Amino acid sequence: MLAGAHLNVRFLPQMGLLGIVYILSRTTGLIGGASFGAFVSNSPSVLKKYLGLGILSQAGVAIGLSLLVVREFSSYGKMGEQLSSIIVTTIAATTIFFEILGPITTKIAITKAGEIGKGE
């Protein structure tokens, strides 16, 4: 709710490229990092392939850090306030994206890994 109070809808159209870069970078980092970690730890191949898809959701930490940016950047005057507004808007908008996409990709990951229905 606090992030929504700082959300500046005026910046939504302008964050197009920034939002896309953030989404692609975050997705690549999570999937690549999870795959690399699974490879280094000699995990089963299904983990190497699908673990990254299962961790795409974001919410609390990202929003909390963006609110910290608002607090810290406010000391830099008007430019700091504008930059923090862009950051909060980007994080809030992409959080909505990842909160919709995350559960879908998690279901895909656990289905492809053959984990659905194992406990029955």
PDB file of N, CA and C in Angstrom:
ATOM      1  N   MET A   1       0.812  -1.172   0.000  1.00  0.00           N
ATOM      2  CA  MET A   1       0.000   0.000   0.000  1.00  0.00           C
ATOM      3  C   MET A   1       0.871   1.257   0.000  1.00  0.00           C
ATOM      4  N   LEU A   2       1.951   1.249   0.754  1.00  0.00           N
ATOM      5  CA  LEU A   2       2.844   2.407   0.771  1.00  0.00           C
ATOM      6  C   LEU A   2       3.461   2.662  -0.592  1.00  0.00           C
ATOM      7  N   ALA A   3       3.824   1.595  -1.295  1.00  0.00           N
ATOM      8  CA  ALA A   3       4.405   1.776  -2.626  1.00  0.00           C
ATOM      9  C   ALA A   3       3.382   2.392  -3.558  1.00  0.00           C
ATOM     10  N   GLY A   4       2.133   1.998  -3.437  1.00  0.00           N
ATOM     11  CA  GLY A   4       1.078   2.573  -4.260  1.00  0.00           C
ATOM     12  C   GLY A   4       0.921   4.059  -4.018  1.00  0.00           C
ATOM     13  N   ALA A   5       1.145   4.491  -2.793  1.00  0.00           N
ATOM     14  CA  ALA A   5       1.060   5.917  -2.477  1.00  0.00           C
ATOM     15  C   ALA A   5       2.174   6.695  -3.165  1.00  0.00           C
ATOM     16  N   HIS A   6       3.299   6.050  -3.413  1.00  0.00           N
ATOM     17  CA  HIS A   6       4.426   6.699  -4.080  1.00  0.00           C
ATOM     18  C   HIS A   6       4.409   6.489  -5.585  1.00  0.00           C
ATOM     19  N   LEU A   7       3.513   5.652  -6.077  1.00  0.00           N
ATOM     20  CA  LEU A   7       3.432   5.360  -7.507  1.00  0.00           C
ATOM     21  C   LEU A   7       3.015   6.620  -8.256  1.00  0.00           C
ATOM     22  N   ASN A   8       3.797   6.999  -9.224  1.00  0.00           N
ATOM     23  CA  ASN A   8       3.500   8.187 -10.019  1.00  0.00           C
ATOM     24  C   ASN A   8       3.090   7.727 -11.412  1.00  0.00           C
ATOM     25  N   VAL A   9       1.791   7.692 -11.674  1.00  0.00           N
ATOM     26  CA  VAL A   9       1.295   7.171 -12.952  1.00  0.00           C
ATOM     27  C   VAL A   9       1.774   8.008 -14.131  1.00  0.00           C
ATOM     28  N   ARG A  10       2.188   9.215 -13.874  1.00  0.00           N
ATOM     29  CA  ARG A  10       2.733  10.069 -14.935  1.00  0.00           C
ATOM     30  C   ARG A  10       3.987   9.445 -15.558  1.00  0.00           C
ATOM     31  N   PHE A  11       4.722   8.657 -14.779  1.00  0.00           N
ATOM     32  CA  PHE A  11       5.955   8.048 -15.274  1.00  0.00           C
ATOM     33  C   PHE A  11       5.731   6.705 -15.970  1.00  0.00           C
ATOM     34  N   LEU A  12       4.538   6.127 -15.879  1.00  0.00           N
ATOM     35  CA  LEU A  12       4.292   4.816 -16.482  1.00  0.00           C
ATOM     36  C   LEU A  12       4.617   4.771 -17.975  1.00  0.00           C
ATOM     37  N   PRO A  13       4.142   5.712 -18.789  1.00  0.00           N
ATOM     38  CA  PRO A  13       4.481   5.640 -20.216  1.00  0.00           C
ATOM     39  C   PRO A  13       5.979   5.808 -20.484  1.00  0.00           C
ATOM     40  N   GLN A  14       6.662   6.570 -19.651  1.00  0.00           N
ATOM     41  CA  GLN A  14       8.083   6.837 -19.852  1.00  0.00           C
ATOM     42  C   GLN A  14       8.970   5.680 -19.414  1.00  0.00           C
ATOM     43  N   MET A  15       8.441   4.792 -18.598  1.00  0.00           N
ATOM     44  CA  MET A  15       9.286   3.714 -18.084  1.00  0.00           C
ATOM     45  C   MET A  15       9.328   2.512 -19.004  1.00  0.00           C
ATOM     46  N   GLY A  16       8.738   2.607 -20.182  1.00  0.00           N
ATOM     47  CA  GLY A  16       8.681   1.479 -21.102  1.00  0.00           C
ATOM     48  C   GLY A  16       9.996   0.741 -21.250  1.00  0.00           C
ATOM     49  N   LEU A  17      11.020   1.417 -21.736  1.00  0.00           N
ATOM     50  CA  LEU A  17      12.314   0.777 -21.955  1.00  0.00           C
ATOM     51  C   LEU A  17      12.941   0.342 -20.638  1.00  0.00           C
ATOM     52  N   LEU A  18      12.876   1.198 -19.629  1.00  0.00           N
ATOM     53  CA  LEU A  18      13.430   0.845 -18.320  1.00  0.00           C
ATOM     54  C   LEU A  18      12.727  -0.387 -17.754  1.00  0.00           C
ATOM     55  N   GLY A  19      11.412  -0.433 -17.871  1.00  0.00           N
ATOM     56  CA  GLY A  19      10.649  -1.586 -17.387  1.00  0.00           C
ATOM     57  C   GLY A  19      11.022  -2.860 -18.116  1.00  0.00           C
ATOM     58  N   ILE A  20      11.167  -2.764 -19.436  1.00  0.00           N
ATOM     59  CA  ILE A  20      11.539  -3.937 -20.233  1.00  0.00           C
ATOM     60  C   ILE A  20      12.938  -4.409 -19.861  1.00  0.00           C
ATOM     61  N   VAL A  21      13.875  -3.473 -19.734  1.00  0.00           N
ATOM     62  CA  VAL A  21      15.247  -3.833 -19.349  1.00  0.00           C
ATOM     63  C   VAL A  21      15.252  -4.481 -17.968  1.00  0.00           C
ATOM     64  N   TYR A  22      14.493  -3.921 -17.027  1.00  0.00           N
ATOM     65  CA  TYR A  22      14.417  -4.482 -15.674  1.00  0.00           C
ATOM     66  C   TYR A  22      13.844  -5.896 -15.708  1.00  0.00           C
ATOM     67  N   ILE A  23      12.742  -6.085 -16.421  1.00  0.00           N
ATOM     68  CA  ILE A  23      12.102  -7.404 -16.503  1.00  0.00           C
ATOM     69  C   ILE A  23      13.049  -8.423 -17.128  1.00  0.00           C
ATOM     70  N   LEU A  24      13.676  -8.066 -18.250  1.00  0.00           N
ATOM     71  CA  LEU A  24      14.588  -8.997 -18.924  1.00  0.00           C
ATOM     72  C   LEU A  24      15.826  -9.293 -18.078  1.00  0.00           C
ATOM     73  N   SER A  25      16.391  -8.262 -17.455  1.00  0.00           N
ATOM     74  CA  SER A  25      17.586  -8.468 -16.620  1.00  0.00           C
ATOM     75  C   SER A  25      17.275  -9.333 -15.410  1.00  0.00           C
ATOM     76  N   ARG A  26      16.171  -9.055 -14.752  1.00  0.00           N
ATOM     77  CA  ARG A  26      15.784  -9.816 -13.565  1.00  0.00           C
ATOM     78  C   ARG A  26      15.492 -11.270 -13.924  1.00  0.00           C
ATOM     79  N   THR A  27      14.753 -11.468 -15.014  1.00  0.00           N
ATOM     80  CA  THR A  27      14.414 -12.823 -15.443  1.00  0.00           C
ATOM     81  C   THR A  27      15.667 -13.599 -15.824  1.00  0.00           C
ATOM     82  N   THR A  28      16.536 -12.968 -16.604  1.00  0.00           N
ATOM     83  CA  THR A  28      17.782 -13.621 -17.011  1.00  0.00           C
ATOM     84  C   THR A  28      18.646 -13.949 -15.797  1.00  0.00           C
ATOM     85  N   GLY A  29      18.757 -13.019 -14.871  1.00  0.00           N
ATOM     86  CA  GLY A  29      19.563 -13.246 -13.669  1.00  0.00           C
ATOM     87  C   GLY A  29      19.030 -14.371 -12.804  1.00  0.00           C
ATOM     88  N   LEU A  30      17.713 -14.390 -12.604  1.00  0.00           N
ATOM     89  CA  LEU A  30      17.125 -15.443 -11.764  1.00  0.00           C
ATOM     90  C   LEU A  30      17.234 -16.817 -12.415  1.00  0.00           C
ATOM     91  N   ILE A  31      16.865 -16.899 -13.680  1.00  0.00           N
ATOM     92  CA  ILE A  31      16.918 -18.195 -14.361  1.00  0.00           C
ATOM     93  C   ILE A  31      18.367 -18.645 -14.527  1.00  0.00           C
ATOM     94  N   GLY A  32      19.234 -17.728 -14.960  1.00  0.00           N
ATOM     95  CA  GLY A  32      20.646 -18.071 -15.133  1.00  0.00           C
ATOM     96  C   GLY A  32      21.321 -18.424 -13.821  1.00  0.00           C
ATOM     97  N   GLY A  33      21.046 -17.644 -12.780  1.00  0.00           N
ATOM     98  CA  GLY A  33      21.641 -17.914 -11.468  1.00  0.00           C
ATOM     99  C   GLY A  33      21.181 -19.230 -10.875  1.00  0.00           C
ATOM    100  N   ALA A  34      19.888 -19.507 -11.006  1.00  0.00           N
ATOM    101  CA  ALA A  34      19.362 -20.774 -10.483  1.00  0.00           C
ATOM    102  C   ALA A  34      19.944 -21.956 -11.249  1.00  0.00           C
ATOM    103  N   SER A  35      20.031 -21.820 -12.573  1.00  0.00           N
ATOM    104  CA  SER A  35      20.601 -22.900 -13.388  1.00  0.00           C
ATOM    105  C   SER A  35      22.071 -23.113 -13.063  1.00  0.00           C
ATOM    106  N   PHE A  36      22.801 -22.015 -12.916  1.00  0.00           N
ATOM    107  CA  PHE A  36      24.220 -22.112 -12.579  1.00  0.00           C
ATOM    108  C   PHE A  36      24.410 -22.760 -11.211  1.00  0.00           C
ATOM    109  N   GLY A  37      23.629 -22.325 -10.234  1.00  0.00           N
ATOM    110  CA  GLY A  37      23.714 -22.911  -8.896  1.00  0.00           C
ATOM    111  C   GLY A  37      23.390 -24.394  -8.897  1.00  0.00           C
ATOM    112  N   ALA A  38      22.376 -24.772  -9.663  1.00  0.00           N
ATOM    113  CA  ALA A  38      22.011 -26.189  -9.761  1.00  0.00           C
ATOM    114  C   ALA A  38      23.117 -26.976 -10.457  1.00  0.00           C
ATOM    115  N   PHE A  39      23.762 -26.366 -11.452  1.00  0.00           N
ATOM    116  CA  PHE A  39      24.858 -27.022 -12.156  1.00  0.00           C
ATOM    117  C   PHE A  39      26.055 -27.218 -11.233  1.00  0.00           C
ATOM    118  N   VAL A  40      26.441 -26.159 -10.526  1.00  0.00           N
ATOM    119  CA  VAL A  40      27.602 -26.211  -9.631  1.00  0.00           C
ATOM    120  C   VAL A  40      27.388 -27.231  -8.518  1.00  0.00           C
ATOM    121  N   SER A  41      26.152 -27.330  -8.031  1.00  0.00           N
ATOM    122  CA  SER A  41      25.874 -28.267  -6.940  1.00  0.00           C
ATOM    123  C   SER A  41      25.527 -29.664  -7.441  1.00  0.00           C
ATOM    124  N   ASN A  42      25.670 -29.865  -8.750  1.00  0.00           N
ATOM    125  CA  ASN A  42      25.410 -31.168  -9.366  1.00  0.00           C
ATOM    126  C   ASN A  42      23.995 -31.670  -9.060  1.00  0.00           C
ATOM    127  N   SER A  43      23.032 -30.755  -9.142  1.00  0.00           N
ATOM    128  CA  SER A  43      21.626 -31.093  -8.900  1.00  0.00           C
ATOM    129  C   SER A  43      21.053 -31.837 -10.102  1.00  0.00           C
ATOM    130  N   PRO A  44      19.915 -32.483  -9.913  1.00  0.00           N
ATOM    131  CA  PRO A  44      19.274 -33.175 -11.038  1.00  0.00           C
ATOM    132  C   PRO A  44      18.970 -32.211 -12.189  1.00  0.00           C
ATOM    133  N   SER A  45      18.941 -32.737 -13.401  1.00  0.00           N
ATOM    134  CA  SER A  45      18.756 -31.888 -14.582  1.00  0.00           C
ATOM    135  C   SER A  45      17.430 -31.131 -14.570  1.00  0.00           C
ATOM    136  N   VAL A  46      16.379 -31.693 -13.946  1.00  0.00           N
ATOM    137  CA  VAL A  46      15.104 -30.958 -13.899  1.00  0.00           C
ATOM    138  C   VAL A  46      15.250 -29.670 -13.095  1.00  0.00           C
ATOM    139  N   LEU A  47      16.068 -29.678 -12.068  1.00  0.00           N
ATOM    140  CA  LEU A  47      16.317 -28.447 -11.312  1.00  0.00           C
ATOM    141  C   LEU A  47      17.081 -27.440 -12.161  1.00  0.00           C
ATOM    142  N   LYS A  48      18.071 -27.915 -12.887  1.00  0.00           N
ATOM    143  CA  LYS A  48      18.847 -27.026 -13.749  1.00  0.00           C
ATOM    144  C   LYS A  48      17.943 -26.342 -14.771  1.00  0.00           C
ATOM    145  N   LYS A  49      16.969 -27.078 -15.272  1.00  0.00           N
ATOM    146  CA  LYS A  49      16.097 -26.550 -16.319  1.00  0.00           C
ATOM    147  C   LYS A  49      14.992 -25.642 -15.793  1.00  0.00           C
ATOM    148  N   TYR A  50      14.390 -25.972 -14.665  1.00  0.00           N
ATOM    149  CA  TYR A  50      13.137 -25.328 -14.287  1.00  0.00           C
ATOM    150  C   TYR A  50      13.152 -24.524 -12.987  1.00  0.00           C
ATOM    151  N   LEU A  51      14.196 -24.596 -12.201  1.00  0.00           N
ATOM    152  CA  LEU A  51      14.217 -23.889 -10.923  1.00  0.00           C
ATOM    153  C   LEU A  51      14.027 -22.382 -11.092  1.00  0.00           C
ATOM    154  N   GLY A  52      14.668 -21.804 -12.081  1.00  0.00           N
ATOM    155  CA  GLY A  52      14.563 -20.363 -12.307  1.00  0.00           C
ATOM    156  C   GLY A  52      13.147 -19.888 -12.561  1.00  0.00           C
ATOM    157  N   LEU A  53      12.363 -20.688 -13.273  1.00  0.00           N
ATOM    158  CA  LEU A  53      10.967 -20.318 -13.538  1.00  0.00           C
ATOM    159  C   LEU A  53      10.151 -20.264 -12.257  1.00  0.00           C
ATOM    160  N   GLY A  54      10.535 -21.047 -11.286  1.00  0.00           N
ATOM    161  CA  GLY A  54       9.777 -21.126 -10.044  1.00  0.00           C
ATOM    162  C   GLY A  54      10.044 -19.996  -9.061  1.00  0.00           C
ATOM    163  N   ILE A  55      10.990 -19.129  -9.369  1.00  0.00           N
ATOM    164  CA  ILE A  55      11.339 -18.068  -8.412  1.00  0.00           C
ATOM    165  C   ILE A  55      11.163 -16.662  -8.988  1.00  0.00           C
ATOM    166  N   LEU A  56      10.326 -16.518  -9.995  1.00  0.00           N
ATOM    167  CA  LEU A  56      10.151 -15.210 -10.629  1.00  0.00           C
ATOM    168  C   LEU A  56       9.289 -14.229  -9.843  1.00  0.00           C
ATOM    169  N   SER A  57       8.430 -14.720  -8.961  1.00  0.00           N
ATOM    170  CA  SER A  57       7.572 -13.791  -8.210  1.00  0.00           C
ATOM    171  C   SER A  57       8.426 -12.832  -7.390  1.00  0.00           C
ATOM    172  N   GLN A  58       7.960 -11.605  -7.281  1.00  0.00           N
ATOM    173  CA  GLN A  58       8.639 -10.613  -6.444  1.00  0.00           C
ATOM    174  C   GLN A  58       7.559  -9.827  -5.732  1.00  0.00           C
ATOM    175  N   ALA A  59       7.872  -9.276  -4.626  1.00  0.00           N
ATOM    176  CA  ALA A  59       6.893  -8.403  -3.976  1.00  0.00           C
ATOM    177  C   ALA A  59       7.559  -7.672  -2.830  1.00  0.00           C
ATOM    178  N   GLY A  60       7.516  -8.252  -1.653  1.00  0.00           N
ATOM    179  CA  GLY A  60       7.899  -7.559  -0.433  1.00  0.00           C
ATOM    180  C   GLY A  60       9.276  -6.933  -0.435  1.00  0.00           C
ATOM    181  N   VAL A  61      10.285  -7.683  -0.788  1.00  0.00           N
ATOM    182  CA  VAL A  61      11.651  -7.163  -0.707  1.00  0.00           C
ATOM    183  C   VAL A  61      11.862  -6.039  -1.715  1.00  0.00           C
ATOM    184  N   ALA A  62      11.442  -6.247  -2.953  1.00  0.00           N
ATOM    185  CA  ALA A  62      11.642  -5.227  -3.986  1.00  0.00           C
ATOM    186  C   ALA A  62      10.904  -3.939  -3.641  1.00  0.00           C
ATOM    187  N   ILE A  63       9.675  -4.066  -3.180  1.00  0.00           N
ATOM    188  CA  ILE A  63       8.902  -2.876  -2.826  1.00  0.00           C
ATOM    189  C   ILE A  63       9.514  -2.188  -1.606  1.00  0.00           C
ATOM    190  N   GLY A  64       9.927  -2.971  -0.629  1.00  0.00           N
ATOM    191  CA  GLY A  64      10.576  -2.399   0.550  1.00  0.00           C
ATOM    192  C   GLY A  64      11.843  -1.639   0.196  1.00  0.00           C
ATOM    193  N   LEU A  65      12.651  -2.204  -0.685  1.00  0.00           N
ATOM    194  CA  LEU A  65      13.878  -1.518  -1.100  1.00  0.00           C
ATOM    195  C   LEU A  65      13.577  -0.256  -1.898  1.00  0.00           C
ATOM    196  N   SER A  66      12.522  -0.297  -2.716  1.00  0.00           N
ATOM    197  CA  SER A  66      12.184   0.912  -3.481  1.00  0.00           C
ATOM    198  C   SER A  66      11.716   2.032  -2.549  1.00  0.00           C
ATOM    199  N   LEU A  67      11.036   1.679  -1.470  1.00  0.00           N
ATOM    200  CA  LEU A  67      10.621   2.698  -0.499  1.00  0.00           C
ATOM    201  C   LEU A  67      11.823   3.261   0.258  1.00  0.00           C
ATOM    202  N   LEU A  68      12.828   2.427   0.464  1.00  0.00           N
ATOM    203  CA  LEU A  68      14.073   2.903   1.068  1.00  0.00           C
ATOM    204  C   LEU A  68      14.748   3.923   0.144  1.00  0.00           C
ATOM    205  N   VAL A  69      14.684   3.669  -1.159  1.00  0.00           N
ATOM    206  CA  VAL A  69      15.232   4.615  -2.137  1.00  0.00           C
ATOM    207  C   VAL A  69      14.533   5.967  -2.014  1.00  0.00           C
ATOM    208  N   VAL A  70      13.200   5.952  -1.861  1.00  0.00           N
ATOM    209  CA  VAL A  70      12.449   7.204  -1.707  1.00  0.00           C
ATOM    210  C   VAL A  70      12.978   7.986  -0.510  1.00  0.00           C
ATOM    211  N   ARG A  71      13.147   7.294   0.588  1.00  0.00           N
ATOM    212  CA  ARG A  71      13.613   7.967   1.802  1.00  0.00           C
ATOM    213  C   ARG A  71      15.028   8.523   1.627  1.00  0.00           C
ATOM    214  N   GLU A  72      15.909   7.713   1.068  1.00  0.00           N
ATOM    215  CA  GLU A  72      17.310   8.120   0.938  1.00  0.00           C
ATOM    216  C   GLU A  72      17.506   9.199  -0.130  1.00  0.00           C
ATOM    217  N   PHE A  73      16.804   9.078  -1.249  1.00  0.00           N
ATOM    218  CA  PHE A  73      17.001  10.013  -2.355  1.00  0.00           C
ATOM    219  C   PHE A  73      16.344  11.366  -2.106  1.00  0.00           C
ATOM    220  N   SER A  74      15.426  11.445  -1.147  1.00  0.00           N
ATOM    221  CA  SER A  74      14.748  12.721  -0.889  1.00  0.00           C
ATOM    222  C   SER A  74      15.730  13.800  -0.440  1.00  0.00           C
ATOM    223  N   SER A  75      16.854  13.392   0.100  1.00  0.00           N
ATOM    224  CA  SER A  75      17.854  14.368   0.543  1.00  0.00           C
ATOM    225  C   SER A  75      18.610  15.002  -0.630  1.00  0.00           C
ATOM    226  N   TYR A  76      18.397  14.507  -1.847  1.00  0.00           N
ATOM    227  CA  TYR A  76      19.074  15.050  -3.028  1.00  0.00           C
ATOM    228  C   TYR A  76      18.220  16.066  -3.780  1.00  0.00           C
ATOM    229  N   GLY A  77      17.180  16.568  -3.137  1.00  0.00           N
ATOM    230  CA  GLY A  77      16.366  17.620  -3.732  1.00  0.00           C
ATOM    231  C   GLY A  77      15.413  17.118  -4.802  1.00  0.00           C
ATOM    232  N   LYS A  78      15.060  18.018  -5.702  1.00  0.00           N
ATOM    233  CA  LYS A  78      14.064  17.733  -6.740  1.00  0.00           C
ATOM    234  C   LYS A  78      14.497  16.569  -7.634  1.00  0.00           C
ATOM    235  N   MET A  79      15.757  16.548  -8.040  1.00  0.00           N
ATOM    236  CA  MET A  79      16.256  15.477  -8.909  1.00  0.00           C
ATOM    237  C   MET A  79      16.180  14.127  -8.203  1.00  0.00           C
ATOM    238  N   GLY A  80      16.523  14.078  -6.939  1.00  0.00           N
ATOM    239  CA  GLY A  80      16.427  12.841  -6.168  1.00  0.00           C
ATOM    240  C   GLY A  80      14.997  12.366  -6.032  1.00  0.00           C
ATOM    241  N   GLU A  81      14.076  13.305  -5.833  1.00  0.00           N
ATOM    242  CA  GLU A  81      12.658  12.951  -5.734  1.00  0.00           C
ATOM    243  C   GLU A  81      12.138  12.390  -7.051  1.00  0.00           C
ATOM    244  N   GLN A  82      12.538  12.998  -8.178  1.00  0.00           N
ATOM    245  CA  GLN A  82      12.104  12.500  -9.483  1.00  0.00           C
ATOM    246  C   GLN A  82      12.672  11.113  -9.758  1.00  0.00           C
ATOM    247  N   LEU A  83      13.948  10.930  -9.466  1.00  0.00           N
ATOM    248  CA  LEU A  83      14.581   9.631  -9.693  1.00  0.00           C
ATOM    249  C   LEU A  83      13.945   8.559  -8.817  1.00  0.00           C
ATOM    250  N   SER A  84      13.693   8.867  -7.560  1.00  0.00           N
ATOM    251  CA  SER A  84      13.068   7.876  -6.676  1.00  0.00           C
ATOM    252  C   SER A  84      11.650   7.562  -7.132  1.00  0.00           C
ATOM    253  N   SER A  85      10.956   8.547  -7.683  1.00  0.00           N
ATOM    254  CA  SER A  85       9.605   8.310  -8.198  1.00  0.00           C
ATOM    255  C   SER A  85       9.638   7.367  -9.396  1.00  0.00           C
ATOM    256  N   ILE A  86      10.621   7.540 -10.268  1.00  0.00           N
ATOM    257  CA  ILE A  86      10.774   6.640 -11.418  1.00  0.00           C
ATOM    258  C   ILE A  86      11.087   5.226 -10.940  1.00  0.00           C
ATOM    259  N   ILE A  87      11.963   5.106  -9.949  1.00  0.00           N
ATOM    260  CA  ILE A  87      12.335   3.788  -9.426  1.00  0.00           C
ATOM    261  C   ILE A  87      11.132   3.096  -8.792  1.00  0.00           C
ATOM    262  N   VAL A  88      10.388   3.803  -7.949  1.00  0.00           N
ATOM    263  CA  VAL A  88       9.216   3.205  -7.300  1.00  0.00           C
ATOM    264  C   VAL A  88       8.175   2.806  -8.335  1.00  0.00           C
ATOM    265  N   THR A  89       7.951   3.655  -9.329  1.00  0.00           N
ATOM    266  CA  THR A  89       6.981   3.344 -10.378  1.00  0.00           C
ATOM    267  C   THR A  89       7.406   2.102 -11.151  1.00  0.00           C
ATOM    268  N   THR A  90       8.686   2.010 -11.499  1.00  0.00           N
ATOM    269  CA  THR A  90       9.194   0.843 -12.222  1.00  0.00           C
ATOM    270  C   THR A  90       9.041  -0.422 -11.388  1.00  0.00           C
ATOM    271  N   ILE A  91       9.436  -0.372 -10.128  1.00  0.00           N
ATOM    272  CA  ILE A  91       9.349  -1.550  -9.260  1.00  0.00           C
ATOM    273  C   ILE A  91       7.896  -1.950  -9.033  1.00  0.00           C
ATOM    274  N   ALA A  92       7.023  -0.986  -8.763  1.00  0.00           N
ATOM    275  CA  ALA A  92       5.612  -1.306  -8.511  1.00  0.00           C
ATOM    276  C   ALA A  92       4.955  -1.906  -9.750  1.00  0.00           C
ATOM    277  N   ALA A  93       5.200  -1.304 -10.917  1.00  0.00           N
ATOM    278  CA  ALA A  93       4.588  -1.812 -12.149  1.00  0.00           C
ATOM    279  C   ALA A  93       5.116  -3.196 -12.513  1.00  0.00           C
ATOM    280  N   THR A  94       6.424  -3.399 -12.381  1.00  0.00           N
ATOM    281  CA  THR A  94       6.969  -4.714 -12.722  1.00  0.00           C
ATOM    282  C   THR A  94       6.622  -5.752 -11.663  1.00  0.00           C
ATOM    283  N   THR A  95       6.391  -5.323 -10.434  1.00  0.00           N
ATOM    284  CA  THR A  95       5.931  -6.261  -9.405  1.00  0.00           C
ATOM    285  C   THR A  95       4.568  -6.815  -9.786  1.00  0.00           C
ATOM    286  N   ILE A  96       3.698  -5.961 -10.278  1.00  0.00           N
ATOM    287  CA  ILE A  96       2.392  -6.433 -10.747  1.00  0.00           C
ATOM    288  C   ILE A  96       2.595  -7.457 -11.857  1.00  0.00           C
ATOM    289  N   PHE A  97       3.487  -7.157 -12.802  1.00  0.00           N
ATOM    290  CA  PHE A  97       3.794  -8.076 -13.900  1.00  0.00           C
ATOM    291  C   PHE A  97       4.283  -9.422 -13.365  1.00  0.00           C
ATOM    292  N   PHE A  98       5.266  -9.390 -12.458  1.00  0.00           N
ATOM    293  CA  PHE A  98       5.833 -10.634 -11.938  1.00  0.00           C
ATOM    294  C   PHE A  98       4.872 -11.382 -11.017  1.00  0.00           C
ATOM    295  N   GLU A  99       3.997 -10.677 -10.327  1.00  0.00           N
ATOM    296  CA  GLU A  99       3.026 -11.359  -9.466  1.00  0.00           C
ATOM    297  C   GLU A  99       1.947 -12.056 -10.285  1.00  0.00           C
ATOM    298  N   ILE A 100       1.730 -11.613 -11.504  1.00  0.00           N
ATOM    299  CA  ILE A 100       0.823 -12.320 -12.412  1.00  0.00           C
ATOM    300  C   ILE A 100       1.569 -13.461 -13.090  1.00  0.00           C
ATOM    301  N   LEU A 101       2.758 -13.186 -13.603  1.00  0.00           N
ATOM    302  CA  LEU A 101       3.536 -14.179 -14.340  1.00  0.00           C
ATOM    303  C   LEU A 101       4.148 -15.242 -13.428  1.00  0.00           C
ATOM    304  N   GLY A 102       4.586 -14.858 -12.223  1.00  0.00           N
ATOM    305  CA  GLY A 102       5.291 -15.775 -11.322  1.00  0.00           C
ATOM    306  C   GLY A 102       4.556 -17.064 -11.018  1.00  0.00           C
ATOM    307  N   PRO A 103       3.304 -17.013 -10.579  1.00  0.00           N
ATOM    308  CA  PRO A 103       2.582 -18.261 -10.304  1.00  0.00           C
ATOM    309  C   PRO A 103       2.392 -19.131 -11.549  1.00  0.00           C
ATOM    310  N   ILE A 104       2.232 -18.491 -12.700  1.00  0.00           N
ATOM    311  CA  ILE A 104       2.080 -19.248 -13.948  1.00  0.00           C
ATOM    312  C   ILE A 104       3.368 -19.988 -14.266  1.00  0.00           C
ATOM    313  N   THR A 105       4.508 -19.288 -14.187  1.00  0.00           N
ATOM    314  CA  THR A 105       5.776 -19.947 -14.493  1.00  0.00           C
ATOM    315  C   THR A 105       6.146 -20.976 -13.431  1.00  0.00           C
ATOM    316  N   THR A 106       5.741 -20.743 -12.190  1.00  0.00           N
ATOM    317  CA  THR A 106       5.982 -21.742 -11.142  1.00  0.00           C
ATOM    318  C   THR A 106       5.221 -23.020 -11.452  1.00  0.00           C
ATOM    319  N   LYS A 107       3.967 -22.890 -11.853  1.00  0.00           N
ATOM    320  CA  LYS A 107       3.183 -24.078 -12.201  1.00  0.00           C
ATOM    321  C   LYS A 107       3.805 -24.796 -13.398  1.00  0.00           C
ATOM    322  N   ILE A 108       4.246 -24.043 -14.399  1.00  0.00           N
ATOM    323  CA  ILE A 108       4.910 -24.654 -15.555  1.00  0.00           C
ATOM    324  C   ILE A 108       6.153 -25.407 -15.098  1.00  0.00           C
ATOM    325  N   ALA A 109       6.948 -24.782 -14.236  1.00  0.00           N
ATOM    326  CA  ALA A 109       8.192 -25.402 -13.772  1.00  0.00           C
ATOM    327  C   ALA A 109       7.930 -26.696 -13.019  1.00  0.00           C
ATOM    328  N   ILE A 110       6.986 -26.690 -12.077  1.00  0.00           N
ATOM    329  CA  ILE A 110       6.769 -27.915 -11.300  1.00  0.00           C
ATOM    330  C   ILE A 110       6.044 -28.982 -12.113  1.00  0.00           C
ATOM    331  N   THR A 111       5.269 -28.571 -13.107  1.00  0.00           N
ATOM    332  CA  THR A 111       4.641 -29.550 -13.998  1.00  0.00           C
ATOM    333  C   THR A 111       5.695 -30.211 -14.870  1.00  0.00           C
ATOM    334  N   LYS A 112       6.554 -29.406 -15.506  1.00  0.00           N
ATOM    335  CA  LYS A 112       7.594 -29.953 -16.379  1.00  0.00           C
ATOM    336  C   LYS A 112       8.620 -30.770 -15.601  1.00  0.00           C
ATOM    337  N   ALA A 113       8.825 -30.420 -14.346  1.00  0.00           N
ATOM    338  CA  ALA A 113       9.760 -31.182 -13.515  1.00  0.00           C
ATOM    339  C   ALA A 113       9.140 -32.490 -13.030  1.00  0.00           C
ATOM    340  N   GLY A 114       7.853 -32.680 -13.308  1.00  0.00           N
ATOM    341  CA  GLY A 114       7.182 -33.916 -12.913  1.00  0.00           C
ATOM    342  C   GLY A 114       6.846 -33.984 -11.441  1.00  0.00           C
ATOM    343  N   GLU A 115       6.719 -32.844 -10.787  1.00  0.00           N
ATOM    344  CA  GLU A 115       6.479 -32.822  -9.346  1.00  0.00           C
ATOM    345  C   GLU A 115       5.007 -32.756  -8.974  1.00  0.00           C
ATOM    346  N   ILE A 116       4.139 -32.362  -9.885  1.00  0.00           N
ATOM    347  CA  ILE A 116       2.709 -32.289  -9.574  1.00  0.00           C
ATOM    348  C   ILE A 116       2.147 -33.700  -9.485  1.00  0.00           C
ATOM    349  N   GLY A 117       1.448 -33.967  -8.403  1.00  0.00           N
ATOM    350  CA  GLY A 117       0.821 -35.273  -8.210  1.00  0.00           C
ATOM    351  C   GLY A 117       1.708 -36.321  -7.571  1.00  0.00           C
ATOM    352  N   LYS A 118       2.952 -35.994  -7.255  1.00  0.00           N
ATOM    353  CA  LYS A 118       3.860 -36.976  -6.650  1.00  0.00           C
ATOM    354  C   LYS A 118       3.455 -37.366  -5.239  1.00  0.00           C
ATOM    355  N   GLY A 119       2.833 -36.444  -4.514  1.00  0.00           N
ATOM    356  CA  GLY A 119       2.488 -36.712  -3.123  1.00  0.00           C
ATOM    357  C   GLY A 119       1.220 -37.530  -2.951  1.00  0.00           C
ATOM    358  N   GLU A 120       0.556 -37.830  -4.031  1.00  0.00           N
ATOM    359  CA  GLU A 120      -0.713 -38.571  -3.932  1.00  0.00           C
ATOM    360  C   GLU A 120      -0.489 -40.062  -3.871  1.00  0.00           C
TER     361      GLU A 120
END
